[in-house]
PDB file of N, CA and C in Angstrom:
ATOM      1  N   MET A   1      93.912  71.222  79.350  1.00  0.00           N
ATOM      2  CA  MET A   1      93.852  72.279  80.328  1.00  0.00           C
ATOM      3  C   MET A   1      94.714  73.168  79.210  1.00  0.00           C
ATOM      4  N   GLU A   2      93.991  74.988  79.134  1.00  0.00           N
ATOM      5  CA  GLU A   2      94.165  75.689  78.430  1.00  0.00           C
ATOM      6  C   GLU A   2      95.667  76.675  78.945  1.00  0.00           C
ATOM      7  N   GLN A   3      95.860  76.467  78.611  1.00  0.00           N
ATOM      8  CA  GLN A   3      97.609  77.138  79.179  1.00  0.00           C
ATOM      9  C   GLN A   3      97.634  78.571  79.097  1.00  0.00           C
ATOM     10  N   VAL A   4      97.837  78.867  80.864  1.00  0.00           N
ATOM     11  CA  VAL A   4      98.018  80.992  80.886  1.00  0.00           C
ATOM     12  C   VAL A   4      99.295  81.166  80.487  1.00  0.00           C
ATOM     13  N   LYS A   5      99.139  81.725  79.603  1.00  0.00           N
ATOM     14  CA  LYS A   5     100.717  82.946  79.473  1.00  0.00           C
ATOM     15  C   LYS A   5     100.448  84.103  80.975  1.00  0.00           C
ATOM     16  N   LYS A   6     101.398  84.746  80.740  1.00  0.00           N
ATOM     17  CA  LYS A   6     101.737  85.484  81.773  1.00  0.00           C
ATOM     18  C   LYS A   6     100.133  86.721  81.828  1.00  0.00           C
ATOM     19  N   ILE A   7     100.347  87.440  82.966  1.00  0.00           N
ATOM     20  CA  ILE A   7      99.891  88.283  82.521  1.00  0.00           C
ATOM     21  C   ILE A   7      99.898  89.597  82.589  1.00  0.00           C
ATOM     22  N   ASN A   8      99.447  90.302  81.709  1.00  0.00           N
ATOM     23  CA  ASN A   8     100.300  91.397  81.643  1.00  0.00           C
ATOM     24  C   ASN A   8      99.533  92.914  82.257  1.00  0.00           C
ATOM     25  N   ASP A   9      97.941  93.001  82.246  1.00  0.00           N
ATOM     26  CA  ASP A   9      97.994  94.052  82.925  1.00  0.00           C
ATOM     27  C   ASP A   9      96.214  93.742  83.435  1.00  0.00           C
ATOM     28  N   GLU A  10      95.481  94.483  83.619  1.00  0.00           N
ATOM     29  CA  GLU A  10      94.123  94.822  84.629  1.00  0.00           C
ATOM     30  C   GLU A  10      93.182  93.603  83.916  1.00  0.00           C
ATOM     31  N   SER A  11      93.182  94.286  83.267  1.00  0.00           N
ATOM     32  CA  SER A  11      92.070  93.187  82.099  1.00  0.00           C
ATOM     33  C   SER A  11      92.675  91.681  82.528  1.00  0.00           C
ATOM     34  N   ASP A  12      93.497  91.611  81.902  1.00  0.00           N
ATOM     35  CA  ASP A  12      94.103  90.414  82.336  1.00  0.00           C
ATOM     36  C   ASP A  12      93.933  89.496  83.248  1.00  0.00           C
ATOM     37  N   TYR A  13      94.193  89.935  83.867  1.00  0.00           N
ATOM     38  CA  TYR A  13      93.887  89.838  85.864  1.00  0.00           C
ATOM     39  C   TYR A  13      92.199  89.401  86.121  1.00  0.00           C
ATOM     40  N   THR A  14      91.595  90.268  85.713  1.00  0.00           N
ATOM     41  CA  THR A  14      90.220  90.036  85.608  1.00  0.00           C
ATOM     42  C   THR A  14      89.496  88.993  85.247  1.00  0.00           C
ATOM     43  N   ALA A  15      90.175  88.583  84.590  1.00  0.00           N
ATOM     44  CA  ALA A  15      89.765  87.305  83.081  1.00  0.00           C
ATOM     45  C   ALA A  15      89.567  86.373  84.145  1.00  0.00           C
ATOM     46  N   VAL A  16      91.551  86.338  84.617  1.00  0.00           N
ATOM     47  CA  VAL A  16      91.933  84.644  84.881  1.00  0.00           C
ATOM     48  C   VAL A  16      91.621  85.194  86.753  1.00  0.00           C
ATOM     49  N   MET A  17      90.469  85.487  87.148  1.00  0.00           N
ATOM     50  CA  MET A  17      90.365  86.216  88.811  1.00  0.00           C
ATOM     51  C   MET A  17      88.725  84.914  88.132  1.00  0.00           C
ATOM     52  N   ALA A  18      87.801  86.350  87.111  1.00  0.00           N
ATOM     53  CA  ALA A  18      86.506  85.071  87.065  1.00  0.00           C
ATOM     54  C   ALA A  18      87.042  83.927  86.213  1.00  0.00           C
ATOM     55  N   LYS A  19      87.590  83.215  85.796  1.00  0.00           N
ATOM     56  CA  LYS A  19      88.156  81.750  85.779  1.00  0.00           C
ATOM     57  C   LYS A  19      87.985  81.097  86.839  1.00  0.00           C
ATOM     58  N   ILE A  20      88.992  81.687  87.242  1.00  0.00           N
ATOM     59  CA  ILE A  20      89.138  81.228  88.852  1.00  0.00           C
ATOM     60  C   ILE A  20      87.679  80.675  89.245  1.00  0.00           C
ATOM     61  N   ASP A  21      87.066  81.751  89.480  1.00  0.00           N
ATOM     62  CA  ASP A  21      85.756  81.792  90.391  1.00  0.00           C
ATOM     63  C   ASP A  21      84.875  81.496  89.541  1.00  0.00           C
ATOM     64  N   SER A  22      84.811  81.366  88.668  1.00  0.00           N
ATOM     65  CA  SER A  22      84.036  80.118  88.229  1.00  0.00           C
ATOM     66  C   SER A  22      84.357  78.640  88.152  1.00  0.00           C
ATOM     67  N   LEU A  23      85.930  78.209  87.966  1.00  0.00           N
ATOM     68  CA  LEU A  23      85.965  76.533  88.396  1.00  0.00           C
ATOM     69  C   LEU A  23      85.645  76.188  89.604  1.00  0.00           C
ATOM     70  N   MET A  24      85.588  76.801  90.483  1.00  0.00           N
ATOM     71  CA  MET A  24      86.003  76.774  92.293  1.00  0.00           C
ATOM     72  C   MET A  24      84.647  76.969  92.295  1.00  0.00           C
ATOM     73  N   SER A  25      83.372  77.354  91.862  1.00  0.00           N
ATOM     74  CA  SER A  25      81.996  77.310  91.711  1.00  0.00           C
ATOM     75  C   SER A  25      81.498  75.911  92.129  1.00  0.00           C
ATOM     76  N   LYS A  26      82.834  75.129  91.123  1.00  0.00           N
ATOM     77  CA  LYS A  26      81.932  74.149  91.350  1.00  0.00           C
ATOM     78  C   LYS A  26      82.044  72.907  92.888  1.00  0.00           C
ATOM     79  N   GLY A  27      82.991  73.572  94.136  1.00  0.00           N
ATOM     80  CA  GLY A  27      83.797  72.602  94.701  1.00  0.00           C
ATOM     81  C   GLY A  27      84.285  71.504  94.249  1.00  0.00           C
ATOM     82  N   SER A  28      85.373  71.536  95.057  1.00  0.00           N
ATOM     83  CA  SER A  28      86.998  70.675  94.943  1.00  0.00           C
ATOM     84  C   SER A  28      85.922  69.786  94.369  1.00  0.00           C
ATOM     85  N   GLN A  29      84.804  68.815  95.370  1.00  0.00           N
ATOM     86  CA  GLN A  29      84.699  67.646  94.805  1.00  0.00           C
ATOM     87  C   GLN A  29      83.864  66.630  93.718  1.00  0.00           C
ATOM     88  N   ASN A  30      83.398  68.315  92.937  1.00  0.00           N
ATOM     89  CA  ASN A  30      82.688  68.234  91.707  1.00  0.00           C
ATOM     90  C   ASN A  30      84.124  68.329  90.727  1.00  0.00           C
ATOM     91  N   ALA A  31      85.128  69.083  91.129  1.00  0.00           N
ATOM     92  CA  ALA A  31      85.809  69.244  89.318  1.00  0.00           C
ATOM     93  C   ALA A  31      86.539  68.681  89.447  1.00  0.00           C
ATOM     94  N   SER A  32      86.766  68.113  88.161  1.00  0.00           N
ATOM     95  CA  SER A  32      88.196  66.827  87.599  1.00  0.00           C
ATOM     96  C   SER A  32      89.717  67.217  88.214  1.00  0.00           C
ATOM     97  N   LYS A  33      90.186  66.667  88.153  1.00  0.00           N
ATOM     98  CA  LYS A  33      91.534  67.036  88.224  1.00  0.00           C
ATOM     99  C   LYS A  33      92.231  67.776  87.505  1.00  0.00           C
ATOM    100  N   GLU A  34      91.918  68.141  86.085  1.00  0.00           N
ATOM    101  CA  GLU A  34      92.052  68.604  85.232  1.00  0.00           C
ATOM    102  C   GLU A  34      92.307  70.213  85.579  1.00  0.00           C
ATOM    103  N   GLU A  35      90.838  70.420  85.567  1.00  0.00           N
ATOM    104  CA  GLU A  35      90.786  71.205  86.342  1.00  0.00           C
ATOM    105  C   GLU A  35      91.324  72.183  87.448  1.00  0.00           C
ATOM    106  N   LEU A  36      91.048  71.252  88.846  1.00  0.00           N
ATOM    107  CA  LEU A  36      92.334  71.769  89.977  1.00  0.00           C
ATOM    108  C   LEU A  36      92.911  72.292  89.778  1.00  0.00           C
ATOM    109  N   ALA A  37      93.560  71.397  88.443  1.00  0.00           N
ATOM    110  CA  ALA A  37      95.192  71.838  88.099  1.00  0.00           C
ATOM    111  C   ALA A  37      95.233  72.798  87.272  1.00  0.00           C
ATOM    112  N   GLU A  38      94.161  73.162  86.839  1.00  0.00           N
ATOM    113  CA  GLU A  38      94.381  74.896  86.366  1.00  0.00           C
ATOM    114  C   GLU A  38      93.757  75.555  87.422  1.00  0.00           C
ATOM    115  N   ILE A  39      92.931  75.496  88.379  1.00  0.00           N
ATOM    116  CA  ILE A  39      92.976  76.097  89.165  1.00  0.00           C
ATOM    117  C   ILE A  39      94.493  76.893  89.833  1.00  0.00           C
ATOM    118  N   ARG A  40      95.099  76.165  90.232  1.00  0.00           N
ATOM    119  CA  ARG A  40      96.292  76.104  90.599  1.00  0.00           C
ATOM    120  C   ARG A  40      97.337  76.659  89.270  1.00  0.00           C
ATOM    121  N   THR A  41      97.147  76.615  88.376  1.00  0.00           N
ATOM    122  CA  THR A  41      98.473  77.523  87.147  1.00  0.00           C
ATOM    123  C   THR A  41      97.542  78.884  87.717  1.00  0.00           C
ATOM    124  N   LEU A  42      96.192  78.637  87.712  1.00  0.00           N
ATOM    125  CA  LEU A  42      96.010  80.050  87.343  1.00  0.00           C
ATOM    126  C   LEU A  42      96.098  81.036  88.487  1.00  0.00           C
ATOM    127  N   ALA A  43      96.128  80.305  89.742  1.00  0.00           N
ATOM    128  CA  ALA A  43      96.415  81.475  90.829  1.00  0.00           C
ATOM    129  C   ALA A  43      97.236  81.885  90.973  1.00  0.00           C
ATOM    130  N   LEU A  44      98.502  80.763  90.210  1.00  0.00           N
ATOM    131  CA  LEU A  44     100.074  81.237  90.775  1.00  0.00           C
ATOM    132  C   LEU A  44     100.536  82.774  89.531  1.00  0.00           C
ATOM    133  N   ALA A  45      99.433  82.276  88.713  1.00  0.00           N
ATOM    134  CA  ALA A  45      99.758  83.173  87.878  1.00  0.00           C
ATOM    135  C   ALA A  45      99.350  84.603  88.340  1.00  0.00           C
ATOM    136  N   ALA A  46      97.530  84.310  88.883  1.00  0.00           N
ATOM    137  CA  ALA A  46      97.700  85.310  89.788  1.00  0.00           C
ATOM    138  C   ALA A  46      98.603  86.270  90.887  1.00  0.00           C
ATOM    139  N   GLN A  47      98.398  84.778  91.658  1.00  0.00           N
ATOM    140  CA  GLN A  47      99.669  85.902  92.312  1.00  0.00           C
ATOM    141  C   GLN A  47     101.108  86.185  92.171  1.00  0.00           C
ATOM    142  N   HIS A  48     101.536  85.899  91.123  1.00  0.00           N
ATOM    143  CA  HIS A  48     103.059  86.886  90.675  1.00  0.00           C
ATOM    144  C   HIS A  48     102.585  87.786  90.264  1.00  0.00           C
ATOM    145  N   TYR A  49     100.812  88.010  89.641  1.00  0.00           N
ATOM    146  CA  TYR A  49     100.748  89.334  89.522  1.00  0.00           C
ATOM    147  C   TYR A  49     100.689  89.901  90.228  1.00  0.00           C
ATOM    148  N   GLU A  50      99.798  89.933  91.009  1.00  0.00           N
ATOM    149  CA  GLU A  50      99.872  90.409  92.321  1.00  0.00           C
ATOM    150  C   GLU A  50     101.129  91.867  93.410  1.00  0.00           C
ATOM    151  N   GLN A  51     102.109  89.729  93.048  1.00  0.00           N
ATOM    152  CA  GLN A  51     103.168  90.641  93.796  1.00  0.00           C
ATOM    153  C   GLN A  51     104.067  91.424  92.816  1.00  0.00           C
ATOM    154  N   GLN A  52     104.242  91.105  91.721  1.00  0.00           N
ATOM    155  CA  GLN A  52     104.558  93.164  90.853  1.00  0.00           C
ATOM    156  C   GLN A  52     103.971  93.598  90.747  1.00  0.00           C
ATOM    157  N   LYS A  53     102.423  93.835  90.766  1.00  0.00           N
ATOM    158  CA  LYS A  53     101.738  94.955  91.052  1.00  0.00           C
ATOM    159  C   LYS A  53     100.614  95.900  92.234  1.00  0.00           C
ATOM    160  N   TYR A  54     101.150  94.833  92.948  1.00  0.00           N
ATOM    161  CA  TYR A  54     101.344  95.380  94.588  1.00  0.00           C
ATOM    162  C   TYR A  54     101.822  95.094  95.123  1.00  0.00           C
ATOM    163  N   VAL A  55     103.661  96.575  95.280  1.00  0.00           N
ATOM    164  CA  VAL A  55     104.681  96.046  96.159  1.00  0.00           C
ATOM    165  C   VAL A  55     103.991  96.736  97.072  1.00  0.00           C
ATOM    166  N   ILE A  56     104.454  96.415  98.253  1.00  0.00           N
ATOM    167  CA  ILE A  56     104.244  96.921  99.444  1.00  0.00           C
ATOM    168  C   ILE A  56     106.015  97.455 100.465  1.00  0.00           C
ATOM    169  N   ALA A  57     105.605  98.764 100.626  1.00  0.00           N
ATOM    170  CA  ALA A  57     107.268  99.554 100.974  1.00  0.00           C
ATOM    171  C   ALA A  57     107.322  98.561 102.287  1.00  0.00           C
ATOM    172  N   ALA A  58     108.809  98.657 102.733  1.00  0.00           N
ATOM    173  CA  ALA A  58     109.086  98.156 103.690  1.00  0.00           C
ATOM    174  C   ALA A  58     109.185  99.615 105.015  1.00  0.00           C
ATOM    175  N   PRO A  59     109.058  98.950 105.859  1.00  0.00           N
ATOM    176  CA  PRO A  59     108.833  99.876 107.329  1.00  0.00           C
ATOM    177  C   PRO A  59     109.747 100.373 107.321  1.00  0.00           C
ATOM    178  N   SER A  60     109.528 102.082 107.627  1.00  0.00           N
ATOM    179  CA  SER A  60     111.294 102.855 107.492  1.00  0.00           C
ATOM    180  C   SER A  60     111.014 103.386 109.480  1.00  0.00           C
ATOM    181  N   THR A  61     110.735 102.516 109.774  1.00  0.00           N
ATOM    182  CA  THR A  61     111.186 102.962 111.133  1.00  0.00           C
ATOM    183  C   THR A  61     111.022 101.609 112.123  1.00  0.00           C
ATOM    184  N   LEU A  62     112.439 101.775 113.667  1.00  0.00           N
ATOM    185  CA  LEU A  62     112.014 100.504 114.435  1.00  0.00           C
ATOM    186  C   LEU A  62     110.872  99.874 114.672  1.00  0.00           C
ATOM    187  N   SER A  63     109.924 100.324 114.664  1.00  0.00           N
ATOM    188  CA  SER A  63     109.113  99.840 115.438  1.00  0.00           C
ATOM    189  C   SER A  63     107.561  99.880 114.324  1.00  0.00           C
ATOM    190  N   GLY A  64     107.685 100.360 113.316  1.00  0.00           N
ATOM    191  CA  GLY A  64     107.143 100.070 112.670  1.00  0.00           C
ATOM    192  C   GLY A  64     107.374  98.099 111.802  1.00  0.00           C
ATOM    193  N   MET A  65     109.356  98.501 111.820  1.00  0.00           N
ATOM    194  CA  MET A  65     109.434  96.614 111.506  1.00  0.00           C
ATOM    195  C   MET A  65     108.755  95.676 112.748  1.00  0.00           C
ATOM    196  N   ILE A  66     109.104  96.644 113.693  1.00  0.00           N
ATOM    197  CA  ILE A  66     108.345  95.310 114.633  1.00  0.00           C
ATOM    198  C   ILE A  66     107.093  94.670 114.895  1.00  0.00           C
ATOM    199  N   GLU A  67     105.936  95.885 114.471  1.00  0.00           N
ATOM    200  CA  GLU A  67     104.540  96.107 114.218  1.00  0.00           C
ATOM    201  C   GLU A  67     104.567  94.762 112.365  1.00  0.00           C
ATOM    202  N   MET A  68     105.467  94.680 111.983  1.00  0.00           N
ATOM    203  CA  MET A  68     105.503  93.982 110.952  1.00  0.00           C
ATOM    204  C   MET A  68     105.778  92.695 111.273  1.00  0.00           C
ATOM    205  N   ARG A  69     106.911  92.725 112.274  1.00  0.00           N
ATOM    206  CA  ARG A  69     106.836  90.989 112.387  1.00  0.00           C
ATOM    207  C   ARG A  69     105.913  90.612 113.602  1.00  0.00           C
ATOM    208  N   MET A  70     104.744  91.339 114.380  1.00  0.00           N
ATOM    209  CA  MET A  70     104.171  91.387 115.351  1.00  0.00           C
ATOM    210  C   MET A  70     102.912  90.182 114.145  1.00  0.00           C
ATOM    211  N   TYR A  71     103.210  91.214 112.957  1.00  0.00           N
ATOM    212  CA  TYR A  71     101.915  90.334 111.807  1.00  0.00           C
ATOM    213  C   TYR A  71     102.158  89.393 112.103  1.00  0.00           C
ATOM    214  N   GLU A  72     103.434  89.874 110.963  1.00  0.00           N
ATOM    215  CA  GLU A  72     103.374  88.360 110.304  1.00  0.00           C
ATOM    216  C   GLU A  72     103.415  86.694 111.297  1.00  0.00           C
ATOM    217  N   MET A  73     104.264  87.207 112.734  1.00  0.00           N
ATOM    218  CA  MET A  73     104.448  85.873 113.336  1.00  0.00           C
ATOM    219  C   MET A  73     102.953  86.222 114.232  1.00  0.00           C
ATOM    220  N   ARG A  74     102.113  86.638 113.787  1.00  0.00           N
ATOM    221  CA  ARG A  74     100.779  86.431 114.783  1.00  0.00           C
ATOM    222  C   ARG A  74     100.648  86.869 115.983  1.00  0.00           C
ATOM    223  N   LEU A  75     101.723  87.516 116.653  1.00  0.00           N
ATOM    224  CA  LEU A  75     102.205  88.375 117.805  1.00  0.00           C
ATOM    225  C   LEU A  75     100.834  88.793 118.090  1.00  0.00           C
ATOM    226  N   LYS A  76     100.390  89.370 119.828  1.00  0.00           N
ATOM    227  CA  LYS A  76      99.774  90.582 120.306  1.00  0.00           C
ATOM    228  C   LYS A  76     100.687  91.709 121.108  1.00  0.00           C
ATOM    229  N   GLN A  77     100.592  92.246 121.253  1.00  0.00           N
ATOM    230  CA  GLN A  77     101.660  92.789 121.714  1.00  0.00           C
ATOM    231  C   GLN A  77     102.203  92.505 123.134  1.00  0.00           C
ATOM    232  N   LYS A  78     101.250  91.699 124.217  1.00  0.00           N
ATOM    233  CA  LYS A  78     101.669  91.071 125.718  1.00  0.00           C
ATOM    234  C   LYS A  78     103.048  89.065 125.025  1.00  0.00           C
ATOM    235  N   ASP A  79     102.411  89.247 123.944  1.00  0.00           N
ATOM    236  CA  ASP A  79     102.643  88.045 123.707  1.00  0.00           C
ATOM    237  C   ASP A  79     104.178  88.509 122.811  1.00  0.00           C
ATOM    238  N   LEU A  80     104.375  89.496 122.400  1.00  0.00           N
ATOM    239  CA  LEU A  80     105.223  90.168 122.038  1.00  0.00           C
ATOM    240  C   LEU A  80     105.946  90.632 123.111  1.00  0.00           C
ATOM    241  N   ALA A  81     105.674  91.206 124.335  1.00  0.00           N
ATOM    242  CA  ALA A  81     106.422  91.729 125.269  1.00  0.00           C
ATOM    243  C   ALA A  81     107.563  90.402 125.914  1.00  0.00           C
ATOM    244  N   LYS A  82     106.475  89.516 125.940  1.00  0.00           N
ATOM    245  CA  LYS A  82     107.230  88.304 126.524  1.00  0.00           C
ATOM    246  C   LYS A  82     108.359  87.696 126.081  1.00  0.00           C
ATOM    247  N   LYS A  83     108.427  87.209 124.786  1.00  0.00           N
ATOM    248  CA  LYS A  83     108.792  86.552 123.764  1.00  0.00           C
ATOM    249  C   LYS A  83     109.918  87.376 123.478  1.00  0.00           C
ATOM    250  N   LEU A  84     110.782  89.111 123.510  1.00  0.00           N
ATOM    251  CA  LEU A  84     111.201  90.030 123.726  1.00  0.00           C
ATOM    252  C   LEU A  84     111.921  89.626 125.837  1.00  0.00           C
ATOM    253  N   ASN A  85     111.292  88.872 125.992  1.00  0.00           N
ATOM    254  CA  ASN A  85     111.516  89.317 127.805  1.00  0.00           C
ATOM    255  C   ASN A  85     111.289  90.937 128.343  1.00  0.00           C
ATOM    256  N   ILE A  86     110.821  91.490 128.310  1.00  0.00           N
ATOM    257  CA  ILE A  86     110.360  92.674 128.572  1.00  0.00           C
ATOM    258  C   ILE A  86     108.957  92.826 129.405  1.00  0.00           C
ATOM    259  N   SER A  87     108.432  94.004 129.865  1.00  0.00           N
ATOM    260  CA  SER A  87     107.168  93.834 130.542  1.00  0.00           C
ATOM    261  C   SER A  87     106.620  94.750 129.073  1.00  0.00           C
ATOM    262  N   ASP A  88     105.053  94.547 129.469  1.00  0.00           N
ATOM    263  CA  ASP A  88     103.794  94.906 128.185  1.00  0.00           C
ATOM    264  C   ASP A  88     104.515  96.239 128.565  1.00  0.00           C
ATOM    265  N   ALA A  89     103.929  97.368 129.805  1.00  0.00           N
ATOM    266  CA  ALA A  89     104.487  98.714 130.052  1.00  0.00           C
ATOM    267  C   ALA A  89     105.871  98.870 128.867  1.00  0.00           C
ATOM    268  N   LYS A  90     106.938  98.155 128.693  1.00  0.00           N
ATOM    269  CA  LYS A  90     108.053  98.701 128.269  1.00  0.00           C
ATOM    270  C   LYS A  90     108.326  98.482 126.843  1.00  0.00           C
ATOM    271  N   LEU A  91     107.311  98.075 126.453  1.00  0.00           N
ATOM    272  CA  LEU A  91     107.311  97.589 125.107  1.00  0.00           C
ATOM    273  C   LEU A  91     106.721  98.458 124.241  1.00  0.00           C
ATOM    274  N   SER A  92     105.143  99.331 125.192  1.00  0.00           N
ATOM    275  CA  SER A  92     104.398 100.185 125.091  1.00  0.00           C
ATOM    276  C   SER A  92     104.900 101.463 124.234  1.00  0.00           C
ATOM    277  N   LEU A  93     105.682 101.773 125.988  1.00  0.00           N
ATOM    278  CA  LEU A  93     106.413 102.574 125.633  1.00  0.00           C
ATOM    279  C   LEU A  93     107.282 102.936 124.362  1.00  0.00           C
ATOM    280  N   ILE A  94     107.860 101.675 124.527  1.00  0.00           N
ATOM    281  CA  ILE A  94     109.090 102.437 123.095  1.00  0.00           C
ATOM    282  C   ILE A  94     108.837 101.877 122.356  1.00  0.00           C
ATOM    283  N   MET A  95     107.391 101.425 121.875  1.00  0.00           N
ATOM    284  CA  MET A  95     106.621 101.299 120.762  1.00  0.00           C
ATOM    285  C   MET A  95     106.020 103.024 119.569  1.00  0.00           C
ATOM    286  N   ASN A  96     105.732 103.316 121.287  1.00  0.00           N
ATOM    287  CA  ASN A  96     105.076 104.816 120.933  1.00  0.00           C
ATOM    288  C   ASN A  96     105.691 106.296 121.083  1.00  0.00           C
ATOM    289  N   GLY A  97     107.553 105.756 121.118  1.00  0.00           N
ATOM    290  CA  GLY A  97     108.608 106.646 120.907  1.00  0.00           C
ATOM    291  C   GLY A  97     108.454 107.371 122.502  1.00  0.00           C
ATOM    292  N   LYS A  98     108.172 107.155 123.703  1.00  0.00           N
ATOM    293  CA  LYS A  98     108.376 107.757 124.679  1.00  0.00           C
ATOM    294  C   LYS A  98     109.302 107.107 125.374  1.00  0.00           C
ATOM    295  N   GLN A  99     109.641 106.011 125.109  1.00  0.00           N
ATOM    296  CA  GLN A  99     110.994 105.023 125.896  1.00  0.00           C
ATOM    297  C   GLN A  99     112.192 104.853 124.760  1.00  0.00           C
ATOM    298  N   LYS A 100     113.357 105.357 125.013  1.00  0.00           N
ATOM    299  CA  LYS A 100     114.622 104.753 124.138  1.00  0.00           C
ATOM    300  C   LYS A 100     115.025 102.999 124.399  1.00  0.00           C
ATOM    301  N   PRO A 101     115.090 102.391 123.078  1.00  0.00           N
ATOM    302  CA  PRO A 101     115.062 101.221 123.312  1.00  0.00           C
ATOM    303  C   PRO A 101     116.063 100.928 123.642  1.00  0.00           C
ATOM    304  N   ASP A 102     116.434 100.000 124.851  1.00  0.00           N
ATOM    305  CA  ASP A 102     118.172  99.964 125.523  1.00  0.00           C
ATOM    306  C   ASP A 102     118.550  98.664 124.394  1.00  0.00           C
ATOM    307  N   VAL A 103     120.089  98.577 124.905  1.00  0.00           N
ATOM    308  CA  VAL A 103     120.792  97.576 123.338  1.00  0.00           C
ATOM    309  C   VAL A 103     119.750  95.365 123.929  1.00  0.00           C
ATOM    310  N   GLU A 104     119.922  95.513 125.050  1.00  0.00           N
ATOM    311  CA  GLU A 104     119.076  94.342 125.817  1.00  0.00           C
ATOM    312  C   GLU A 104     117.724  93.882 124.705  1.00  0.00           C
ATOM    313  N   PHE A 105     116.813  95.293 124.428  1.00  0.00           N
ATOM    314  CA  PHE A 105     115.194  94.913 123.735  1.00  0.00           C
ATOM    315  C   PHE A 105     116.241  94.904 121.963  1.00  0.00           C
ATOM    316  N   LEU A 106     117.357  95.513 121.771  1.00  0.00           N
ATOM    317  CA  LEU A 106     117.608  95.566 120.226  1.00  0.00           C
ATOM    318  C   LEU A 106     117.853  94.462 119.823  1.00  0.00           C
ATOM    319  N   LYS A 107     119.428  94.041 120.951  1.00  0.00           N
ATOM    320  CA  LYS A 107     119.625  92.024 121.067  1.00  0.00           C
ATOM    321  C   LYS A 107     118.543  91.745 120.336  1.00  0.00           C
ATOM    322  N   ALA A 108     116.999  91.338 121.079  1.00  0.00           N
ATOM    323  CA  ALA A 108     116.290  91.082 121.665  1.00  0.00           C
ATOM    324  C   ALA A 108     115.653  91.138 120.105  1.00  0.00           C
ATOM    325  N   VAL A 109     115.382  91.976 119.623  1.00  0.00           N
ATOM    326  CA  VAL A 109     114.274  92.212 118.239  1.00  0.00           C
ATOM    327  C   VAL A 109     115.229  91.432 117.367  1.00  0.00           C
ATOM    328  N   HIS A 110     116.729  91.392 117.313  1.00  0.00           N
ATOM    329  CA  HIS A 110     117.417  91.116 116.372  1.00  0.00           C
ATOM    330  C   HIS A 110     117.268  89.846 116.264  1.00  0.00           C
ATOM    331  N   THR A 111     117.566  88.885 117.526  1.00  0.00           N
ATOM    332  CA  THR A 111     116.938  87.344 117.834  1.00  0.00           C
ATOM    333  C   THR A 111     115.895  86.450 117.645  1.00  0.00           C
ATOM    334  N   GLU A 112     115.458  87.986 117.993  1.00  0.00           N
ATOM    335  CA  GLU A 112     113.577  86.784 117.937  1.00  0.00           C
ATOM    336  C   GLU A 112     112.478  86.801 117.095  1.00  0.00           C
ATOM    337  N   LEU A 113     113.034  88.137 116.671  1.00  0.00           N
ATOM    338  CA  LEU A 113     112.543  89.084 115.303  1.00  0.00           C
ATOM    339  C   LEU A 113     112.936  88.489 113.979  1.00  0.00           C
ATOM    340  N   HIS A 114     114.027  88.184 114.558  1.00  0.00           N
ATOM    341  CA  HIS A 114     115.150  88.354 113.264  1.00  0.00           C
ATOM    342  C   HIS A 114     115.709  89.971 111.950  1.00  0.00           C
ATOM    343  N   VAL A 115     115.158  90.392 112.628  1.00  0.00           N
ATOM    344  CA  VAL A 115     115.281  92.021 112.113  1.00  0.00           C
ATOM    345  C   VAL A 115     116.912  91.964 111.704  1.00  0.00           C
ATOM    346  N   ASP A 116     117.282  92.602 110.569  1.00  0.00           N
ATOM    347  CA  ASP A 116     118.439  92.373 110.572  1.00  0.00           C
ATOM    348  C   ASP A 116     119.415  93.649 111.691  1.00  0.00           C
ATOM    349  N   ALA A 117     120.334  93.414 111.814  1.00  0.00           N
ATOM    350  CA  ALA A 117     121.690  94.479 112.658  1.00  0.00           C
ATOM    351  C   ALA A 117     121.709  95.521 111.688  1.00  0.00           C
ATOM    352  N   ALA A 118     121.509  95.466 111.082  1.00  0.00           N
ATOM    353  CA  ALA A 118     122.019  97.027 109.834  1.00  0.00           C
ATOM    354  C   ALA A 118     120.951  98.416 110.259  1.00  0.00           C
ATOM    355  N   PHE A 119     119.432  97.582 109.605  1.00  0.00           N
ATOM    356  CA  PHE A 119     118.770  98.173 109.722  1.00  0.00           C
ATOM    357  C   PHE A 119     117.884  98.799 111.074  1.00  0.00           C
ATOM    358  N   ILE A 120     118.293  98.051 112.330  1.00  0.00           N
ATOM    359  CA  ILE A 120     118.476  98.811 113.637  1.00  0.00           C
ATOM    360  C   ILE A 120     118.800  99.396 113.615  1.00  0.00           C
ATOM    361  N   LEU A 121     120.739  99.421 113.574  1.00  0.00           N
ATOM    362  CA  LEU A 121     121.463 100.788 113.801  1.00  0.00           C
ATOM    363  C   LEU A 121     121.296 101.893 112.527  1.00  0.00           C
ATOM    364  N   GLN A 122     120.674 101.563 111.903  1.00  0.00           N
ATOM    365  CA  GLN A 122     119.996 102.452 110.916  1.00  0.00           C
ATOM    366  C   GLN A 122     118.980 103.162 111.419  1.00  0.00           C
ATOM    367  N   HIS A 123     118.283 102.846 112.321  1.00  0.00           N
ATOM    368  CA  HIS A 123     116.873 103.000 113.218  1.00  0.00           C
ATOM    369  C   HIS A 123     116.740 103.941 114.530  1.00  0.00           C
ATOM    370  N   VAL A 124     117.474 103.569 114.571  1.00  0.00           N
ATOM    371  CA  VAL A 124     117.783 103.657 116.317  1.00  0.00           C
ATOM    372  C   VAL A 124     118.030 105.656 116.768  1.00  0.00           C
TER     373      VAL A 124
END
């Protein structure tokens, strides 16, 4: 099995992805244990490169942070409202900036969505 070095640039990344694609085209039932291990090694190297190159900025608003948590937790807005113990309408008003969040809402965002209290205080 070929030992993979750190991916340094886009051409290295493209070559690694082509190798992964080539190995995966065999299908897991037709690939040897060594090839499956190589796929894993290559995929981890590619993942590390992607995490370094494609950095997503943290949300800069409370509603942005809530939307990110909704995405991470795979919640729809109605499910989020239920989790935060508020009505769909109230959540919609807060998310659209038409109503200020109250203390109970902010506490729920902190405890249920695990949003840092300092972030909440800075963005209210």
